Amino acid sequence: MKELVSYIAKGLVDNPDQVTVNEVEGEHITVIELKVAKNDMGKLIGRQGKTARALRTLVIAAAVKQKKKAVLEILD
């Protein structure tokens, strides 16, 4: 899932070299932390959060396919 989020995020932003994705495995859930450059934050979130919501939906769908639970957090 980390690779999926990284691939999509790098395609959306102007500075793909500043995209970092960290995967934190918990006991019941996996947290995927996504960090981009400050000036790319708006592109990643999208109008009214639609792009961010779509990314989160993709992460949840990929996790369900692997029979896991996951959540995407977009960090400043």
C-alpha atoms as a PDB file:
ATOM      1  CA  MET A   1       0.000   0.000   0.000  1.00  0.00           C
ATOM      2  CA  LYS A   2       2.907   2.308   0.707  1.00  0.00           C
ATOM      3  CA  GLU A   3       4.033   2.044  -2.918  1.00  0.00           C
ATOM      4  CA  LEU A   4       0.503   2.717  -4.199  1.00  0.00           C
ATOM      5  CA  VAL A   5       0.142   5.915  -2.159  1.00  0.00           C
ATOM      6  CA  SER A   6       3.624   7.071  -3.144  1.00  0.00           C
ATOM      7  CA  TYR A   7       2.983   6.472  -6.856  1.00  0.00           C
ATOM      8  CA  ILE A   8      -0.337   8.346  -6.860  1.00  0.00           C
ATOM      9  CA  ALA A   9       0.923  11.246  -4.729  1.00  0.00           C
ATOM     10  CA  LYS A  10       4.010  11.749  -6.904  1.00  0.00           C
ATOM     11  CA  GLY A  11       1.765  11.985  -9.945  1.00  0.00           C
ATOM     12  CA  LEU A  12      -0.379  14.687  -8.363  1.00  0.00           C
ATOM     13  CA  VAL A  13       2.234  17.124  -7.044  1.00  0.00           C
ATOM     14  CA  ASP A  14       4.768  19.508  -8.608  1.00  0.00           C
ATOM     15  CA  ASN A  15       7.652  18.350  -6.365  1.00  0.00           C
ATOM     16  CA  PRO A  16       7.570  14.526  -6.460  1.00  0.00           C
ATOM     17  CA  ASP A  17      11.014  14.309  -4.847  1.00  0.00           C
ATOM     18  CA  GLN A  18       9.574  15.762  -1.618  1.00  0.00           C
ATOM     19  CA  VAL A  19       6.872  13.107  -1.230  1.00  0.00           C
ATOM     20  CA  THR A  20       7.511  10.839   1.741  1.00  0.00           C
ATOM     21  CA  VAL A  21       5.342   7.920   2.750  1.00  0.00           C
ATOM     22  CA  ASN A  22       5.729   6.113   6.062  1.00  0.00           C
ATOM     23  CA  GLU A  23       3.837   2.962   6.994  1.00  0.00           C
ATOM     24  CA  VAL A  24       3.238   2.332  10.708  1.00  0.00           C
ATOM     25  CA  GLU A  25       2.020  -1.159  11.544  1.00  0.00           C
ATOM     26  CA  GLY A  26      -0.228  -1.278  14.570  1.00  0.00           C
ATOM     27  CA  GLU A  27      -1.800  -4.216  16.336  1.00  0.00           C
ATOM     28  CA  HIS A  28      -5.158  -3.846  14.554  1.00  0.00           C
ATOM     29  CA  ILE A  29      -4.610  -1.174  11.929  1.00  0.00           C
ATOM     30  CA  THR A  30      -1.940   0.140   9.576  1.00  0.00           C
ATOM     31  CA  VAL A  31      -1.425   3.894   9.430  1.00  0.00           C
ATOM     32  CA  ILE A  32       0.024   5.323   6.235  1.00  0.00           C
ATOM     33  CA  GLU A  33       1.502   8.766   6.758  1.00  0.00           C
ATOM     34  CA  LEU A  34       1.869  10.965   3.672  1.00  0.00           C
ATOM     35  CA  LYS A  35       3.916  14.148   3.656  1.00  0.00           C
ATOM     36  CA  VAL A  36       4.376  16.538   0.719  1.00  0.00           C
ATOM     37  CA  ALA A  37       5.842  20.019   0.196  1.00  0.00           C
ATOM     38  CA  LYS A  38       3.810  22.916   1.619  1.00  0.00           C
ATOM     39  CA  ASN A  39       3.010  24.354  -1.822  1.00  0.00           C
ATOM     40  CA  ASP A  40       1.713  20.946  -3.007  1.00  0.00           C
ATOM     41  CA  MET A  41      -0.694  20.432  -0.116  1.00  0.00           C
ATOM     42  CA  GLY A  42      -3.605  22.052  -1.966  1.00  0.00           C
ATOM     43  CA  LYS A  43      -3.148  19.798  -4.989  1.00  0.00           C
ATOM     44  CA  LEU A  44      -3.078  16.733  -2.779  1.00  0.00           C
ATOM     45  CA  ILE A  45      -6.211  17.685  -0.862  1.00  0.00           C
ATOM     46  CA  GLY A  46      -8.160  18.969  -3.870  1.00  0.00           C
ATOM     47  CA  ARG A  47     -11.341  20.998  -3.966  1.00  0.00           C
ATOM     48  CA  GLN A  48     -13.387  20.408  -0.841  1.00  0.00           C
ATOM     49  CA  GLY A  49     -11.098  17.482  -0.009  1.00  0.00           C
ATOM     50  CA  LYS A  50     -12.221  15.330  -2.925  1.00  0.00           C
ATOM     51  CA  THR A  51      -8.734  14.179  -3.934  1.00  0.00           C
ATOM     52  CA  ALA A  52      -7.781  13.334  -0.348  1.00  0.00           C
ATOM     53  CA  ARG A  53     -11.050  11.451   0.103  1.00  0.00           C
ATOM     54  CA  ALA A  54     -10.389   9.484  -3.087  1.00  0.00           C
ATOM     55  CA  LEU A  55      -6.881   8.588  -1.885  1.00  0.00           C
ATOM     56  CA  ARG A  56      -8.277   7.396   1.433  1.00  0.00           C
ATOM     57  CA  THR A  57     -10.877   5.299  -0.382  1.00  0.00           C
ATOM     58  CA  LEU A  58      -8.155   3.653  -2.469  1.00  0.00           C
ATOM     59  CA  VAL A  59      -6.137   2.854   0.650  1.00  0.00           C
ATOM     60  CA  ILE A  60      -9.168   1.313   2.352  1.00  0.00           C
ATOM     61  CA  ALA A  61     -10.004  -0.738  -0.750  1.00  0.00           C
ATOM     62  CA  ALA A  62      -6.426  -2.015  -1.049  1.00  0.00           C
ATOM     63  CA  ALA A  63      -6.417  -2.923   2.650  1.00  0.00           C
ATOM     64  CA  VAL A  64      -9.709  -4.810   2.383  1.00  0.00           C
ATOM     65  CA  LYS A  65      -8.301  -6.796  -0.519  1.00  0.00           C
ATOM     66  CA  GLN A  66      -5.398  -7.832   1.754  1.00  0.00           C
ATOM     67  CA  LYS A  67      -7.833  -8.509   4.630  1.00  0.00           C
ATOM     68  CA  LYS A  68      -6.361  -5.708   6.736  1.00  0.00           C
ATOM     69  CA  LYS A  69      -7.454  -2.313   8.045  1.00  0.00           C
ATOM     70  CA  ALA A  70      -5.618   0.833   7.019  1.00  0.00           C
ATOM     71  CA  VAL A  71      -5.991   4.581   7.257  1.00  0.00           C
ATOM     72  CA  LEU A  72      -4.255   7.412   5.396  1.00  0.00           C
ATOM     73  CA  GLU A  73      -3.047  10.461   7.284  1.00  0.00           C
ATOM     74  CA  ILE A  74      -1.853  13.529   5.398  1.00  0.00           C
ATOM     75  CA  LEU A  75       0.738  15.367   7.482  1.00  0.00           C
ATOM     76  CA  ASP A  76       1.930  18.988   7.319  1.00  0.00           C
END
